[in-house]
Amino acid sequence: MLTLLFGICMLVLFGKLLVFGIRAAWGISKIVLTIVFLPIILIALVAGGLLYIAFPILIVLGLISLVTRR
């Protein structure tokens, strides 16, 4: 009986830790994508002569950031 109780408590604890880890990883990946990779992608598009693709992406992301302020 104690083994069953121990197993249930262990699953609950590690389940909460797993959810916390996934949330932390998601937050870190959002920061890295928006601060590091998005500007690099836009600069590469402009350097490659694809300004007609980079400019609308920049406008759409700017409008989204204005609308969804927290």
PDB file of N, CA and C in Angstrom:
ATOM      1  N   MET A   1       0.821  -1.192   0.000  1.00  0.00           N
ATOM      2  CA  MET A   1       0.000   0.000   0.000  1.00  0.00           C
ATOM      3  C   MET A   1       0.868   1.260   0.000  1.00  0.00           C
ATOM      4  N   LEU A   2       1.936   1.237   0.819  1.00  0.00           N
ATOM      5  CA  LEU A   2       2.832   2.392   0.843  1.00  0.00           C
ATOM      6  C   LEU A   2       3.568   2.554  -0.484  1.00  0.00           C
ATOM      7  N   THR A   3       3.858   1.436  -1.133  1.00  0.00           N
ATOM      8  CA  THR A   3       4.532   1.502  -2.429  1.00  0.00           C
ATOM      9  C   THR A   3       3.632   2.166  -3.462  1.00  0.00           C
ATOM     10  N   LEU A   4       2.360   1.834  -3.447  1.00  0.00           N
ATOM     11  CA  LEU A   4       1.407   2.444  -4.367  1.00  0.00           C
ATOM     12  C   LEU A   4       1.284   3.937  -4.103  1.00  0.00           C
ATOM     13  N   LEU A   5       1.183   4.320  -2.842  1.00  0.00           N
ATOM     14  CA  LEU A   5       1.101   5.730  -2.477  1.00  0.00           C
ATOM     15  C   LEU A   5       2.368   6.475  -2.902  1.00  0.00           C
ATOM     16  N   PHE A   6       3.522   5.865  -2.686  1.00  0.00           N
ATOM     17  CA  PHE A   6       4.789   6.459  -3.090  1.00  0.00           C
ATOM     18  C   PHE A   6       4.844   6.646  -4.607  1.00  0.00           C
ATOM     19  N   GLY A   7       4.396   5.641  -5.346  1.00  0.00           N
ATOM     20  CA  GLY A   7       4.402   5.725  -6.809  1.00  0.00           C
ATOM     21  C   GLY A   7       3.499   6.828  -7.321  1.00  0.00           C
ATOM     22  N   ILE A   8       2.319   6.962  -6.738  1.00  0.00           N
ATOM     23  CA  ILE A   8       1.385   8.009  -7.150  1.00  0.00           C
ATOM     24  C   ILE A   8       1.961   9.387  -6.856  1.00  0.00           C
ATOM     25  N   CYS A   9       2.508   9.556  -5.656  1.00  0.00           N
ATOM     26  CA  CYS A   9       3.101  10.854  -5.296  1.00  0.00           C
ATOM     27  C   CYS A   9       4.292  11.187  -6.190  1.00  0.00           C
ATOM     28  N   MET A  10       5.082  10.179  -6.540  1.00  0.00           N
ATOM     29  CA  MET A  10       6.232  10.407  -7.404  1.00  0.00           C
ATOM     30  C   MET A  10       5.780  10.817  -8.802  1.00  0.00           C
ATOM     31  N   LEU A  11       4.739  10.175  -9.326  1.00  0.00           N
ATOM     32  CA  LEU A  11       4.219  10.553 -10.638  1.00  0.00           C
ATOM     33  C   LEU A  11       3.673  11.977 -10.637  1.00  0.00           C
ATOM     34  N   VAL A  12       2.993  12.365  -9.565  1.00  0.00           N
ATOM     35  CA  VAL A  12       2.453  13.722  -9.474  1.00  0.00           C
ATOM     36  C   VAL A  12       3.585  14.738  -9.439  1.00  0.00           C
ATOM     37  N   LEU A  13       4.593  14.476  -8.621  1.00  0.00           N
ATOM     38  CA  LEU A  13       5.713  15.406  -8.495  1.00  0.00           C
ATOM     39  C   LEU A  13       6.466  15.544  -9.812  1.00  0.00           C
ATOM     40  N   PHE A  14       6.821  14.434 -10.439  1.00  0.00           N
ATOM     41  CA  PHE A  14       7.571  14.510 -11.687  1.00  0.00           C
ATOM     42  C   PHE A  14       6.703  14.999 -12.838  1.00  0.00           C
ATOM     43  N   GLY A  15       5.403  14.801 -12.765  1.00  0.00           N
ATOM     44  CA  GLY A  15       4.505  15.379 -13.758  1.00  0.00           C
ATOM     45  C   GLY A  15       4.510  16.890 -13.687  1.00  0.00           C
ATOM     46  N   LYS A  16       4.477  17.431 -12.463  1.00  0.00           N
ATOM     47  CA  LYS A  16       4.537  18.880 -12.300  1.00  0.00           C
ATOM     48  C   LYS A  16       5.881  19.428 -12.765  1.00  0.00           C
ATOM     49  N   LEU A  17       6.960  18.714 -12.456  1.00  0.00           N
ATOM     50  CA  LEU A  17       8.282  19.144 -12.916  1.00  0.00           C
ATOM     51  C   LEU A  17       8.386  19.097 -14.436  1.00  0.00           C
ATOM     52  N   LEU A  18       7.769  18.093 -15.056  1.00  0.00           N
ATOM     53  CA  LEU A  18       7.777  17.995 -16.506  1.00  0.00           C
ATOM     54  C   LEU A  18       7.035  19.167 -17.134  1.00  0.00           C
ATOM     55  N   VAL A  19       5.868  19.503 -16.598  1.00  0.00           N
ATOM     56  CA  VAL A  19       5.102  20.636 -17.114  1.00  0.00           C
ATOM     57  C   VAL A  19       5.886  21.933 -16.937  1.00  0.00           C
ATOM     58  N   PHE A  20       6.520  22.112 -15.785  1.00  0.00           N
ATOM     59  CA  PHE A  20       7.337  23.301 -15.554  1.00  0.00           C
ATOM     60  C   PHE A  20       8.496  23.375 -16.544  1.00  0.00           C
ATOM     61  N   GLY A  21       9.142  22.258 -16.798  1.00  0.00           N
ATOM     62  CA  GLY A  21      10.255  22.229 -17.748  1.00  0.00           C
ATOM     63  C   GLY A  21       9.819  22.557 -19.163  1.00  0.00           C
ATOM     64  N   ILE A  22       8.660  22.050 -19.567  1.00  0.00           N
ATOM     65  CA  ILE A  22       8.155  22.339 -20.911  1.00  0.00           C
ATOM     66  C   ILE A  22       7.805  23.812 -21.036  1.00  0.00           C
ATOM     67  N   ARG A  23       7.178  24.392 -20.008  1.00  0.00           N
ATOM     68  CA  ARG A  23       6.856  25.820 -20.047  1.00  0.00           C
ATOM     69  C   ARG A  23       8.116  26.675 -20.100  1.00  0.00           C
ATOM     70  N   ALA A  24       9.131  26.310 -19.327  1.00  0.00           N
ATOM     71  CA  ALA A  24      10.381  27.068 -19.330  1.00  0.00           C
ATOM     72  C   ALA A  24      11.068  26.968 -20.691  1.00  0.00           C
ATOM     73  N   ALA A  25      11.095  25.778 -21.266  1.00  0.00           N
ATOM     74  CA  ALA A  25      11.729  25.599 -22.573  1.00  0.00           C
ATOM     75  C   ALA A  25      10.972  26.365 -23.650  1.00  0.00           C
ATOM     76  N   TRP A  26       9.652  26.400 -23.574  1.00  0.00           N
ATOM     77  CA  TRP A  26       8.856  27.135 -24.552  1.00  0.00           C
ATOM     78  C   TRP A  26       9.136  28.626 -24.445  1.00  0.00           C
ATOM     79  N   GLY A  27       9.233  29.144 -23.223  1.00  0.00           N
ATOM     80  CA  GLY A  27       9.530  30.564 -23.040  1.00  0.00           C
ATOM     81  C   GLY A  27      10.905  30.930 -23.557  1.00  0.00           C
ATOM     82  N   ILE A  28      11.891  30.093 -23.277  1.00  0.00           N
ATOM     83  CA  ILE A  28      13.253  30.359 -23.752  1.00  0.00           C
ATOM     84  C   ILE A  28      13.311  30.289 -25.273  1.00  0.00           C
ATOM     85  N   SER A  29      12.628  29.328 -25.871  1.00  0.00           N
ATOM     86  CA  SER A  29      12.666  29.214 -27.331  1.00  0.00           C
ATOM     87  C   SER A  29      11.962  30.389 -28.000  1.00  0.00           C
ATOM     88  N   LYS A  30      10.888  30.910 -27.408  1.00  0.00           N
ATOM     89  CA  LYS A  30      10.239  32.091 -27.977  1.00  0.00           C
ATOM     90  C   LYS A  30      11.168  33.290 -27.943  1.00  0.00           C
ATOM     91  N   ILE A  31      11.889  33.469 -26.841  1.00  0.00           N
ATOM     92  CA  ILE A  31      12.817  34.591 -26.726  1.00  0.00           C
ATOM     93  C   ILE A  31      13.941  34.461 -27.750  1.00  0.00           C
ATOM     94  N   VAL A  32      14.506  33.273 -27.871  1.00  0.00           N
ATOM     95  CA  VAL A  32      15.613  33.071 -28.813  1.00  0.00           C
ATOM     96  C   VAL A  32      15.143  33.285 -30.249  1.00  0.00           C
ATOM     97  N   LEU A  33      13.966  32.796 -30.587  1.00  0.00           N
ATOM     98  CA  LEU A  33      13.470  32.958 -31.949  1.00  0.00           C
ATOM     99  C   LEU A  33      13.201  34.415 -32.287  1.00  0.00           C
ATOM    100  N   THR A  34      12.606  35.169 -31.368  1.00  0.00           N
ATOM    101  CA  THR A  34      12.257  36.548 -31.690  1.00  0.00           C
ATOM    102  C   THR A  34      13.442  37.494 -31.613  1.00  0.00           C
ATOM    103  N   ILE A  35      14.387  37.248 -30.735  1.00  0.00           N
ATOM    104  CA  ILE A  35      15.501  38.180 -30.571  1.00  0.00           C
ATOM    105  C   ILE A  35      16.684  37.813 -31.463  1.00  0.00           C
ATOM    106  N   VAL A  36      16.914  36.541 -31.714  1.00  0.00           N
ATOM    107  CA  VAL A  36      18.101  36.128 -32.463  1.00  0.00           C
ATOM    108  C   VAL A  36      17.763  35.763 -33.909  1.00  0.00           C
ATOM    109  N   PHE A  37      16.877  34.783 -34.099  1.00  0.00           N
ATOM    110  CA  PHE A  37      16.695  34.232 -35.435  1.00  0.00           C
ATOM    111  C   PHE A  37      15.860  35.103 -36.364  1.00  0.00           C
ATOM    112  N   LEU A  38      14.857  35.788 -35.874  1.00  0.00           N
ATOM    113  CA  LEU A  38      14.028  36.608 -36.753  1.00  0.00           C
ATOM    114  C   LEU A  38      14.820  37.733 -37.411  1.00  0.00           C
ATOM    115  N   PRO A  39      15.620  38.514 -36.664  1.00  0.00           N
ATOM    116  CA  PRO A  39      16.425  39.538 -37.347  1.00  0.00           C
ATOM    117  C   PRO A  39      17.437  38.949 -38.331  1.00  0.00           C
ATOM    118  N   ILE A  40      18.027  37.807 -37.994  1.00  0.00           N
ATOM    119  CA  ILE A  40      18.985  37.183 -38.915  1.00  0.00           C
ATOM    120  C   ILE A  40      18.285  36.757 -40.204  1.00  0.00           C
ATOM    121  N   ILE A  41      17.092  36.206 -40.078  1.00  0.00           N
ATOM    122  CA  ILE A  41      16.339  35.787 -41.262  1.00  0.00           C
ATOM    123  C   ILE A  41      15.963  36.994 -42.109  1.00  0.00           C
ATOM    124  N   LEU A  42      15.507  38.074 -41.473  1.00  0.00           N
ATOM    125  CA  LEU A  42      15.138  39.272 -42.229  1.00  0.00           C
ATOM    126  C   LEU A  42      16.349  39.893 -42.918  1.00  0.00           C
ATOM    127  N   ILE A  43      17.487  39.957 -42.236  1.00  0.00           N
ATOM    128  CA  ILE A  43      18.704  40.503 -42.845  1.00  0.00           C
ATOM    129  C   ILE A  43      19.151  39.629 -44.013  1.00  0.00           C
ATOM    130  N   ALA A  44      19.049  38.320 -43.865  1.00  0.00           N
ATOM    131  CA  ALA A  44      19.424  37.414 -44.955  1.00  0.00           C
ATOM    132  C   ALA A  44      18.495  37.579 -46.154  1.00  0.00           C
ATOM    133  N   LEU A  45      17.217  37.788 -45.902  1.00  0.00           N
ATOM    134  CA  LEU A  45      16.284  38.014 -47.008  1.00  0.00           C
ATOM    135  C   LEU A  45      16.612  39.303 -47.749  1.00  0.00           C
ATOM    136  N   VAL A  46      16.913  40.363 -47.009  1.00  0.00           N
ATOM    137  CA  VAL A  46      17.250  41.643 -47.641  1.00  0.00           C
ATOM    138  C   VAL A  46      18.574  41.521 -48.399  1.00  0.00           C
ATOM    139  N   ALA A  47      19.564  40.870 -47.795  1.00  0.00           N
ATOM    140  CA  ALA A  47      20.862  40.712 -48.455  1.00  0.00           C
ATOM    141  C   ALA A  47      20.745  39.841 -49.707  1.00  0.00           C
ATOM    142  N   GLY A  48      19.819  38.922 -49.698  1.00  0.00           N
ATOM    143  CA  GLY A  48      19.613  38.061 -50.855  1.00  0.00           C
ATOM    144  C   GLY A  48      18.740  38.682 -51.925  1.00  0.00           C
ATOM    145  N   GLY A  49      18.302  39.910 -51.713  1.00  0.00           N
ATOM    146  CA  GLY A  49      17.491  40.585 -52.713  1.00  0.00           C
ATOM    147  C   GLY A  49      16.013  40.267 -52.621  1.00  0.00           C
ATOM    148  N   LEU A  50      15.576  39.739 -51.508  1.00  0.00           N
ATOM    149  CA  LEU A  50      14.166  39.388 -51.344  1.00  0.00           C
ATOM    150  C   LEU A  50      13.461  40.380 -50.427  1.00  0.00           C
ATOM    151  N   LEU A  51      13.653  41.655 -50.712  1.00  0.00           N
ATOM    152  CA  LEU A  51      13.046  42.697 -49.892  1.00  0.00           C
ATOM    153  C   LEU A  51      11.524  42.646 -49.971  1.00  0.00           C
ATOM    154  N   TYR A  52      10.993  42.234 -51.113  1.00  0.00           N
ATOM    155  CA  TYR A  52       9.541  42.154 -51.268  1.00  0.00           C
ATOM    156  C   TYR A  52       8.927  41.064 -50.391  1.00  0.00           C
ATOM    157  N   ILE A  53       9.728  40.153 -49.866  1.00  0.00           N
ATOM    158  CA  ILE A  53       9.243  39.164 -48.901  1.00  0.00           C
ATOM    159  C   ILE A  53       9.515  39.632 -47.477  1.00  0.00           C
ATOM    160  N   ALA A  54      10.691  40.213 -47.249  1.00  0.00           N
ATOM    161  CA  ALA A  54      11.085  40.625 -45.898  1.00  0.00           C
ATOM    162  C   ALA A  54      10.239  41.788 -45.393  1.00  0.00           C
ATOM    163  N   PHE A  55       9.927  42.738 -46.252  1.00  0.00           N
ATOM    164  CA  PHE A  55       9.182  43.917 -45.816  1.00  0.00           C
ATOM    165  C   PHE A  55       7.763  43.582 -45.363  1.00  0.00           C
ATOM    166  N   PRO A  56       6.983  42.784 -46.104  1.00  0.00           N
ATOM    167  CA  PRO A  56       5.653  42.411 -45.590  1.00  0.00           C
ATOM    168  C   PRO A  56       5.709  41.597 -44.295  1.00  0.00           C
ATOM    169  N   ILE A  57       6.721  40.737 -44.161  1.00  0.00           N
ATOM    170  CA  ILE A  57       6.867  39.986 -42.911  1.00  0.00           C
ATOM    171  C   ILE A  57       7.086  40.946 -41.756  1.00  0.00           C
ATOM    172  N   LEU A  58       7.954  41.941 -41.980  1.00  0.00           N
ATOM    173  CA  LEU A  58       8.232  42.929 -40.946  1.00  0.00           C
ATOM    174  C   LEU A  58       6.984  43.744 -40.602  1.00  0.00           C
ATOM    175  N   ILE A  59       6.197  44.113 -41.592  1.00  0.00           N
ATOM    176  CA  ILE A  59       4.971  44.879 -41.345  1.00  0.00           C
ATOM    177  C   ILE A  59       3.954  44.040 -40.570  1.00  0.00           C
ATOM    178  N   VAL A  60       3.754  42.800 -40.977  1.00  0.00           N
ATOM    179  CA  VAL A  60       2.782  41.934 -40.299  1.00  0.00           C
ATOM    180  C   VAL A  60       3.186  41.700 -38.851  1.00  0.00           C
ATOM    181  N   LEU A  61       4.449  41.415 -38.613  1.00  0.00           N
ATOM    182  CA  LEU A  61       4.904  41.189 -37.240  1.00  0.00           C
ATOM    183  C   LEU A  61       4.813  42.460 -36.403  1.00  0.00           C
ATOM    184  N   GLY A  62       5.066  43.608 -37.011  1.00  0.00           N
ATOM    185  CA  GLY A  62       4.915  44.872 -36.292  1.00  0.00           C
ATOM    186  C   GLY A  62       3.470  45.133 -35.904  1.00  0.00           C
ATOM    187  N   LEU A  63       2.541  44.864 -36.817  1.00  0.00           N
ATOM    188  CA  LEU A  63       1.123  45.052 -36.501  1.00  0.00           C
ATOM    189  C   LEU A  63       0.660  44.075 -35.426  1.00  0.00           C
ATOM    190  N   ILE A  64       1.118  42.852 -35.498  1.00  0.00           N
ATOM    191  CA  ILE A  64       0.755  41.869 -34.473  1.00  0.00           C
ATOM    192  C   ILE A  64       1.277  42.300 -33.113  1.00  0.00           C
ATOM    193  N   SER A  65       2.501  42.823 -33.076  1.00  0.00           N
ATOM    194  CA  SER A  65       3.060  43.252 -31.789  1.00  0.00           C
ATOM    195  C   SER A  65       2.331  44.475 -31.244  1.00  0.00           C
ATOM    196  N   LEU A  66       1.811  45.328 -32.112  1.00  0.00           N
ATOM    197  CA  LEU A  66       1.041  46.480 -31.634  1.00  0.00           C
ATOM    198  C   LEU A  66      -0.325  46.064 -31.094  1.00  0.00           C
ATOM    199  N   VAL A  67      -0.951  45.094 -31.743  1.00  0.00           N
ATOM    200  CA  VAL A  67      -2.294  44.673 -31.352  1.00  0.00           C
ATOM    201  C   VAL A  67      -2.265  43.838 -30.073  1.00  0.00           C
ATOM    202  N   THR A  68      -1.275  42.985 -29.918  1.00  0.00           N
ATOM    203  CA  THR A  68      -1.240  42.063 -28.779  1.00  0.00           C
ATOM    204  C   THR A  68      -0.291  42.540 -27.694  1.00  0.00           C
ATOM    205  N   ARG A  69      -0.454  43.748 -27.255  1.00  0.00           N
ATOM    206  CA  ARG A  69       0.374  44.241 -26.149  1.00  0.00           C
ATOM    207  C   ARG A  69      -0.096  43.660 -24.846  1.00  0.00           C
ATOM    208  N   ARG A  70       0.850  43.354 -23.964  1.00  0.00           N
ATOM    209  CA  ARG A  70       0.495  42.787 -22.664  1.00  0.00           C
ATOM    210  C   ARG A  70       0.764  43.776 -21.594  1.00  0.00           C
TER     211      ARG A  70
END
